[in-house]
Each structure stands twice: as structure tokens, then as C-alpha cells.
Amino acid sequence: MDYDIAPREGRRAARAAPVQEQPNAPARRRIEVLETYFGADGRPVKRKSIGAARVARRYDERGNKVEEAYFNADGKPTLRKGLGVAKIAWRYDERGRQIDASFFDAAGEPVQKGAAARDRALADA
């Protein structure tokens, strides 16, 4: 999923977009939230606690967080401080229970993380 990460007025922008999973399936709505941190000069700045200036989150139709991606002030993927990944994707079972977390580097390539990182990511969802 590509995110529109151009600077915007205000701190957060949200939009809902229909997602077709099958050609004949009814449209489902997912929520995308883009959170940007600004300095006094109105430009995006890195939030020290996470090491990113922008965070993009996607939620499924049940409200489960399915993806979180981190970007620098220039809009390029960057690694989250403390976790060392640029994107986390969560999966849920049919009952809405978290069953997996996947990690990706700044180039979008999968990263293998240990059980502790996976448990932390599942707890953060």
C-alpha cells in the first residue's frame, strides 16, 4: 500500500477507502490514518521516541490495526527506534484475535525478528 505523505495542515489526516478483496465481493472499508509531527516552523520533524516524523496506520473493517509504517521528514521509509523496522503488519484470525506480526525494512523487504519483538508488536497492535 502506498501512502500519500505530503505535508498537510494539522497533525492527523484520516481517510476511508473501499477495498475489493474479490471481484464480486461487496466493498469493505478500511481506515488509513497518517500522523505527522511538526516543528515550530511548520515543517515535519522526527519524534525522538520513535525516530520518525510520520506514522501511517491502517485498520481493517473490524477496527484491528493491520499495518503501521514509519517515515522520515522527507517522506521516505525509516526505521522505528527500538524495533529497527520500517513497517509492521499484523494478521488476525476469523474471531479478530492477533495471530501474527510481520516486519519489514526501509526497502520493504521482510525482516526476521525474534519472539520478543513479535510479542511486543502483537501487544502494541
N, C-alpha and C. Protein backbone atom coordinates (compact mmCIF):
# COMPACT_ATOMS: atom_id res chain seq x y z
N MET A 1 0.84 -1.18 0.00
CA MET A 1 0.00 0.00 0.00
C MET A 1 0.88 1.23 0.00
N ASP A 2 0.61 2.16 -0.86
CA ASP A 2 1.33 3.42 -0.89
C ASP A 2 0.56 4.44 -0.07
N TYR A 3 1.27 5.27 0.62
CA TYR A 3 0.65 6.29 1.44
C TYR A 3 0.95 7.66 0.85
N ASP A 4 -0.04 8.54 0.88
CA ASP A 4 0.15 9.92 0.49
C ASP A 4 0.72 10.62 1.71
N ILE A 5 2.01 10.97 1.66
CA ILE A 5 2.63 11.52 2.86
C ILE A 5 3.13 12.95 2.65
N ALA A 6 2.51 13.65 1.73
CA ALA A 6 2.83 15.06 1.54
C ALA A 6 2.42 15.82 2.80
N PRO A 7 3.16 16.88 3.15
CA PRO A 7 2.80 17.65 4.35
C PRO A 7 1.36 18.15 4.27
N ARG A 8 0.66 18.11 5.36
CA ARG A 8 -0.73 18.53 5.44
C ARG A 8 -0.91 19.50 6.60
N GLU A 9 -1.98 20.25 6.54
CA GLU A 9 -2.34 21.10 7.65
C GLU A 9 -2.78 20.22 8.81
N GLY A 10 -2.48 20.61 10.02
CA GLY A 10 -2.90 19.86 11.18
C GLY A 10 -2.01 18.68 11.47
N ARG A 11 -2.33 17.96 12.50
CA ARG A 11 -1.48 16.86 12.94
C ARG A 11 -1.86 15.52 12.32
N ARG A 12 -3.12 15.28 12.07
CA ARG A 12 -3.54 13.97 11.61
C ARG A 12 -4.47 14.12 10.41
N ALA A 13 -4.40 13.15 9.54
CA ALA A 13 -5.33 13.09 8.42
C ALA A 13 -5.85 11.67 8.34
N ALA A 14 -7.13 11.52 8.14
CA ALA A 14 -7.71 10.17 8.03
C ALA A 14 -8.58 10.12 6.80
N ARG A 15 -8.61 8.95 6.19
CA ARG A 15 -9.49 8.76 5.04
C ARG A 15 -9.92 7.31 5.01
N ALA A 16 -11.08 7.08 4.49
CA ALA A 16 -11.58 5.72 4.33
C ALA A 16 -11.60 5.40 2.86
N ALA A 17 -11.17 4.20 2.52
CA ALA A 17 -11.14 3.80 1.12
C ALA A 17 -11.74 2.42 0.98
N PRO A 18 -12.63 2.23 0.01
CA PRO A 18 -13.16 0.88 -0.20
C PRO A 18 -12.07 -0.04 -0.72
N VAL A 19 -12.11 -1.27 -0.27
CA VAL A 19 -11.11 -2.26 -0.69
C VAL A 19 -11.86 -3.46 -1.25
N GLN A 20 -11.56 -3.85 -2.47
CA GLN A 20 -12.16 -5.01 -3.08
C GLN A 20 -11.23 -6.19 -2.88
N GLU A 21 -11.68 -7.21 -2.18
CA GLU A 21 -10.86 -8.39 -1.97
C GLU A 21 -11.13 -9.44 -3.03
N GLN A 22 -12.34 -9.50 -3.56
CA GLN A 22 -12.70 -10.40 -4.63
C GLN A 22 -13.52 -9.62 -5.63
N PRO A 23 -13.46 -9.96 -6.92
CA PRO A 23 -14.17 -9.18 -7.93
C PRO A 23 -15.66 -9.01 -7.65
N ASN A 24 -16.34 -10.02 -7.12
CA ASN A 24 -17.78 -9.94 -6.90
C ASN A 24 -18.15 -9.65 -5.45
N ALA A 25 -17.16 -9.45 -4.62
CA ALA A 25 -17.42 -9.21 -3.20
C ALA A 25 -17.85 -7.76 -2.98
N PRO A 26 -18.69 -7.51 -1.98
CA PRO A 26 -19.06 -6.12 -1.68
C PRO A 26 -17.85 -5.34 -1.17
N ALA A 27 -17.86 -4.04 -1.40
CA ALA A 27 -16.75 -3.19 -0.96
C ALA A 27 -16.69 -3.16 0.56
N ARG A 28 -15.46 -3.27 1.10
CA ARG A 28 -15.24 -3.14 2.54
C ARG A 28 -14.49 -1.85 2.77
N ARG A 29 -14.64 -1.32 3.96
CA ARG A 29 -13.96 -0.06 4.25
C ARG A 29 -12.80 -0.32 5.20
N ARG A 30 -11.67 0.25 4.84
CA ARG A 30 -10.51 0.26 5.73
C ARG A 30 -10.22 1.71 6.05
N ILE A 31 -9.71 1.93 7.21
CA ILE A 31 -9.36 3.28 7.64
C ILE A 31 -7.85 3.43 7.59
N GLU A 32 -7.40 4.53 7.03
CA GLU A 32 -5.98 4.86 6.99
C GLU A 32 -5.79 6.16 7.76
N VAL A 33 -4.83 6.16 8.67
CA VAL A 33 -4.54 7.34 9.48
C VAL A 33 -3.09 7.72 9.27
N LEU A 34 -2.85 8.97 8.94
CA LEU A 34 -1.50 9.48 8.77
C LEU A 34 -1.26 10.51 9.86
N GLU A 35 -0.25 10.24 10.69
CA GLU A 35 0.09 11.13 11.80
C GLU A 35 1.44 11.76 11.50
N THR A 36 1.50 13.09 11.49
CA THR A 36 2.74 13.81 11.19
C THR A 36 3.06 14.74 12.35
N TYR A 37 4.33 14.81 12.70
CA TYR A 37 4.79 15.67 13.79
C TYR A 37 5.46 16.89 13.19
N PHE A 38 5.07 18.09 13.64
CA PHE A 38 5.58 19.34 13.09
C PHE A 38 6.36 20.12 14.13
N GLY A 39 7.38 20.84 13.65
CA GLY A 39 8.14 21.74 14.50
C GLY A 39 7.48 23.11 14.52
N ALA A 40 8.07 24.04 15.26
CA ALA A 40 7.54 25.39 15.35
C ALA A 40 7.51 26.10 14.01
N ASP A 41 8.40 25.68 13.09
CA ASP A 41 8.44 26.30 11.76
C ASP A 41 7.41 25.71 10.79
N GLY A 42 6.60 24.74 11.26
CA GLY A 42 5.58 24.14 10.43
C GLY A 42 6.07 22.99 9.56
N ARG A 43 7.33 22.62 9.70
CA ARG A 43 7.88 21.51 8.91
C ARG A 43 7.86 20.23 9.72
N PRO A 44 7.74 19.09 9.03
CA PRO A 44 7.77 17.81 9.75
C PRO A 44 9.10 17.61 10.47
N VAL A 45 9.03 17.12 11.69
CA VAL A 45 10.23 16.84 12.48
C VAL A 45 10.14 15.43 13.05
N LYS A 46 11.29 14.85 13.32
CA LYS A 46 11.35 13.50 13.89
C LYS A 46 10.92 13.51 15.35
N ARG A 47 10.03 12.62 15.69
CA ARG A 47 9.64 12.42 17.08
C ARG A 47 10.69 11.50 17.70
N LYS A 48 11.40 12.00 18.69
CA LYS A 48 12.55 11.29 19.24
C LYS A 48 12.21 9.90 19.77
N SER A 49 11.05 9.75 20.37
CA SER A 49 10.71 8.46 20.99
C SER A 49 10.56 7.32 19.99
N ILE A 50 10.19 7.65 18.73
CA ILE A 50 10.05 6.59 17.72
C ILE A 50 11.03 6.74 16.56
N GLY A 51 11.71 7.88 16.47
CA GLY A 51 12.69 8.08 15.40
C GLY A 51 12.07 8.31 14.04
N ALA A 52 10.83 8.80 14.00
CA ALA A 52 10.14 9.04 12.73
C ALA A 52 9.36 10.35 12.80
N ALA A 53 9.17 10.97 11.63
CA ALA A 53 8.40 12.20 11.55
C ALA A 53 6.94 11.93 11.21
N ARG A 54 6.69 10.78 10.58
CA ARG A 54 5.33 10.41 10.18
C ARG A 54 5.09 8.94 10.47
N VAL A 55 3.86 8.65 10.87
CA VAL A 55 3.44 7.28 11.10
C VAL A 55 2.14 7.07 10.34
N ALA A 56 2.11 6.05 9.50
CA ALA A 56 0.89 5.72 8.75
C ALA A 56 0.34 4.42 9.32
N ARG A 57 -0.94 4.43 9.66
CA ARG A 57 -1.58 3.24 10.22
C ARG A 57 -2.80 2.87 9.37
N ARG A 58 -3.01 1.56 9.21
CA ARG A 58 -4.20 1.06 8.53
C ARG A 58 -4.95 0.14 9.47
N TYR A 59 -6.27 0.24 9.42
CA TYR A 59 -7.14 -0.57 10.25
C TYR A 59 -8.12 -1.31 9.34
N ASP A 60 -8.49 -2.52 9.71
CA ASP A 60 -9.46 -3.26 8.91
C ASP A 60 -10.88 -2.86 9.30
N GLU A 61 -11.85 -3.50 8.67
CA GLU A 61 -13.26 -3.14 8.91
C GLU A 61 -13.71 -3.43 10.33
N ARG A 62 -12.97 -4.24 11.07
CA ARG A 62 -13.28 -4.52 12.47
C ARG A 62 -12.60 -3.55 13.43
N GLY A 63 -11.74 -2.70 12.90
CA GLY A 63 -11.00 -1.77 13.75
C GLY A 63 -9.66 -2.30 14.22
N ASN A 64 -9.25 -3.47 13.71
CA ASN A 64 -7.95 -4.03 14.06
C ASN A 64 -6.85 -3.31 13.30
N LYS A 65 -5.78 -2.94 13.99
CA LYS A 65 -4.64 -2.34 13.29
C LYS A 65 -3.95 -3.42 12.49
N VAL A 66 -3.87 -3.23 11.15
CA VAL A 66 -3.27 -4.23 10.28
C VAL A 66 -1.90 -3.82 9.76
N GLU A 67 -1.57 -2.54 9.87
CA GLU A 67 -0.26 -2.10 9.39
C GLU A 67 0.12 -0.78 10.04
N GLU A 68 1.42 -0.64 10.31
CA GLU A 68 1.96 0.61 10.81
C GLU A 68 3.30 0.81 10.13
N ALA A 69 3.48 1.98 9.47
CA ALA A 69 4.70 2.27 8.72
C ALA A 69 5.26 3.60 9.20
N TYR A 70 6.60 3.73 9.15
CA TYR A 70 7.30 4.89 9.68
C TYR A 70 8.06 5.60 8.56
N PHE A 71 8.04 6.95 8.59
CA PHE A 71 8.67 7.75 7.55
C PHE A 71 9.46 8.89 8.16
N ASN A 72 10.53 9.31 7.46
CA ASN A 72 11.30 10.46 7.92
C ASN A 72 10.62 11.75 7.45
N ALA A 73 11.23 12.90 7.74
CA ALA A 73 10.64 14.19 7.39
C ALA A 73 10.51 14.39 5.89
N ASP A 74 11.31 13.66 5.10
CA ASP A 74 11.23 13.76 3.64
C ASP A 74 10.22 12.79 3.04
N GLY A 75 9.56 12.01 3.87
CA GLY A 75 8.56 11.07 3.39
C GLY A 75 9.10 9.72 2.98
N LYS A 76 10.36 9.44 3.28
CA LYS A 76 10.96 8.16 2.93
C LYS A 76 10.85 7.20 4.11
N PRO A 77 10.65 5.89 3.83
CA PRO A 77 10.57 4.93 4.94
C PRO A 77 11.81 5.01 5.82
N THR A 78 11.60 4.90 7.11
CA THR A 78 12.69 4.95 8.07
C THR A 78 12.47 3.90 9.16
N LEU A 79 13.52 3.53 9.85
CA LEU A 79 13.42 2.51 10.88
C LEU A 79 12.90 3.09 12.19
N ARG A 80 11.98 2.37 12.81
CA ARG A 80 11.45 2.79 14.11
C ARG A 80 12.49 2.53 15.17
N LYS A 81 12.71 3.53 15.99
CA LYS A 81 13.67 3.43 17.09
C LYS A 81 13.23 2.33 18.05
N GLY A 82 14.19 1.51 18.46
CA GLY A 82 13.91 0.46 19.41
C GLY A 82 13.44 -0.85 18.79
N LEU A 83 12.93 -0.79 17.57
CA LEU A 83 12.47 -2.01 16.91
C LEU A 83 13.28 -2.31 15.66
N GLY A 84 13.83 -1.28 15.02
CA GLY A 84 14.68 -1.48 13.85
C GLY A 84 13.94 -1.94 12.61
N VAL A 85 12.66 -1.59 12.49
CA VAL A 85 11.88 -1.93 11.30
C VAL A 85 11.15 -0.68 10.80
N ALA A 86 10.84 -0.66 9.50
CA ALA A 86 10.14 0.47 8.92
C ALA A 86 8.64 0.23 8.82
N LYS A 87 8.22 -1.04 8.90
CA LYS A 87 6.80 -1.35 8.80
C LYS A 87 6.51 -2.64 9.56
N ILE A 88 5.34 -2.67 10.20
CA ILE A 88 4.85 -3.86 10.88
C ILE A 88 3.47 -4.16 10.32
N ALA A 89 3.21 -5.42 10.01
CA ALA A 89 1.90 -5.84 9.53
C ALA A 89 1.37 -6.94 10.45
N TRP A 90 0.13 -6.79 10.90
CA TRP A 90 -0.49 -7.76 11.79
C TRP A 90 -1.55 -8.55 11.04
N ARG A 91 -1.72 -9.82 11.43
CA ARG A 91 -2.79 -10.66 10.90
C ARG A 91 -3.67 -11.12 12.05
N TYR A 92 -4.94 -11.34 11.73
CA TYR A 92 -5.93 -11.73 12.73
C TYR A 92 -6.69 -12.95 12.23
N ASP A 93 -7.18 -13.77 13.16
CA ASP A 93 -7.99 -14.91 12.76
C ASP A 93 -9.44 -14.45 12.54
N GLU A 94 -10.32 -15.40 12.21
CA GLU A 94 -11.71 -15.06 11.91
C GLU A 94 -12.46 -14.48 13.10
N ARG A 95 -11.94 -14.67 14.30
CA ARG A 95 -12.55 -14.09 15.50
C ARG A 95 -11.96 -12.74 15.88
N GLY A 96 -11.01 -12.28 15.10
CA GLY A 96 -10.39 -10.99 15.38
C GLY A 96 -9.23 -11.04 16.35
N ARG A 97 -8.71 -12.24 16.63
CA ARG A 97 -7.57 -12.38 17.54
C ARG A 97 -6.27 -12.26 16.74
N GLN A 98 -5.30 -11.55 17.29
CA GLN A 98 -4.00 -11.40 16.63
C GLN A 98 -3.33 -12.76 16.55
N ILE A 99 -2.84 -13.08 15.36
CA ILE A 99 -2.17 -14.37 15.20
C ILE A 99 -0.75 -14.24 14.69
N ASP A 100 -0.39 -13.08 14.14
CA ASP A 100 0.96 -12.96 13.58
C ASP A 100 1.33 -11.49 13.41
N ALA A 101 2.62 -11.23 13.42
CA ALA A 101 3.16 -9.91 13.11
C ALA A 101 4.33 -10.12 12.16
N SER A 102 4.38 -9.34 11.08
CA SER A 102 5.48 -9.40 10.12
C SER A 102 6.20 -8.07 10.13
N PHE A 103 7.51 -8.12 9.89
CA PHE A 103 8.35 -6.93 9.96
C PHE A 103 9.04 -6.69 8.62
N PHE A 104 9.23 -5.40 8.28
CA PHE A 104 9.84 -5.04 7.01
C PHE A 104 10.85 -3.92 7.20
N ASP A 105 11.92 -3.95 6.39
CA ASP A 105 12.93 -2.90 6.46
C ASP A 105 12.51 -1.70 5.61
N ALA A 106 13.38 -0.69 5.52
CA ALA A 106 13.05 0.53 4.79
C ALA A 106 12.88 0.29 3.29
N ALA A 107 13.43 -0.80 2.76
CA ALA A 107 13.28 -1.13 1.34
C ALA A 107 12.04 -1.99 1.10
N GLY A 108 11.31 -2.32 2.15
CA GLY A 108 10.11 -3.13 2.02
C GLY A 108 10.36 -4.62 2.05
N GLU A 109 11.59 -5.01 2.36
CA GLU A 109 11.94 -6.43 2.42
C GLU A 109 11.63 -6.99 3.81
N PRO A 110 11.16 -8.24 3.86
CA PRO A 110 10.87 -8.86 5.16
C PRO A 110 12.12 -8.96 6.03
N VAL A 111 11.93 -8.76 7.33
CA VAL A 111 13.00 -8.84 8.31
C VAL A 111 12.59 -9.89 9.34
N GLN A 112 13.49 -10.78 9.64
CA GLN A 112 13.21 -11.79 10.67
C GLN A 112 13.52 -11.19 12.04
N LYS A 113 12.56 -11.19 12.91
CA LYS A 113 12.74 -10.70 14.27
C LYS A 113 12.49 -11.86 15.23
N GLY A 114 13.07 -11.76 16.38
CA GLY A 114 12.90 -12.81 17.39
C GLY A 114 11.52 -12.80 18.01
N ALA A 115 11.28 -13.78 18.85
CA ALA A 115 9.98 -13.94 19.50
C ALA A 115 9.65 -12.74 20.38
N ALA A 116 10.65 -12.14 21.02
CA ALA A 116 10.39 -10.99 21.90
C ALA A 116 9.85 -9.81 21.10
N ALA A 117 10.44 -9.53 19.93
CA ALA A 117 9.97 -8.42 19.09
C ALA A 117 8.56 -8.72 18.57
N ARG A 118 8.31 -9.97 18.19
CA ARG A 118 6.99 -10.35 17.68
C ARG A 118 5.94 -10.19 18.79
N ASP A 119 6.26 -10.63 20.00
CA ASP A 119 5.34 -10.50 21.12
C ASP A 119 5.06 -9.02 21.42
N ARG A 120 6.10 -8.19 21.37
CA ARG A 120 5.92 -6.76 21.62
C ARG A 120 5.05 -6.13 20.55
N ALA A 121 5.27 -6.49 19.29
CA ALA A 121 4.46 -5.96 18.19
C ALA A 121 3.01 -6.39 18.32
N LEU A 122 2.78 -7.62 18.72
CA LEU A 122 1.41 -8.10 18.90
C LEU A 122 0.75 -7.35 20.05
N ALA A 123 1.48 -7.08 21.10
CA ALA A 123 0.92 -6.34 22.24
C ALA A 123 0.62 -4.89 21.88
N ASP A 124 1.42 -4.29 20.96
CA ASP A 124 1.24 -2.90 20.57
C ASP A 124 0.09 -2.70 19.60
N ALA A 125 -0.39 -3.76 18.96
CA ALA A 125 -1.45 -3.61 17.94
C ALA A 125 -2.73 -3.10 18.53
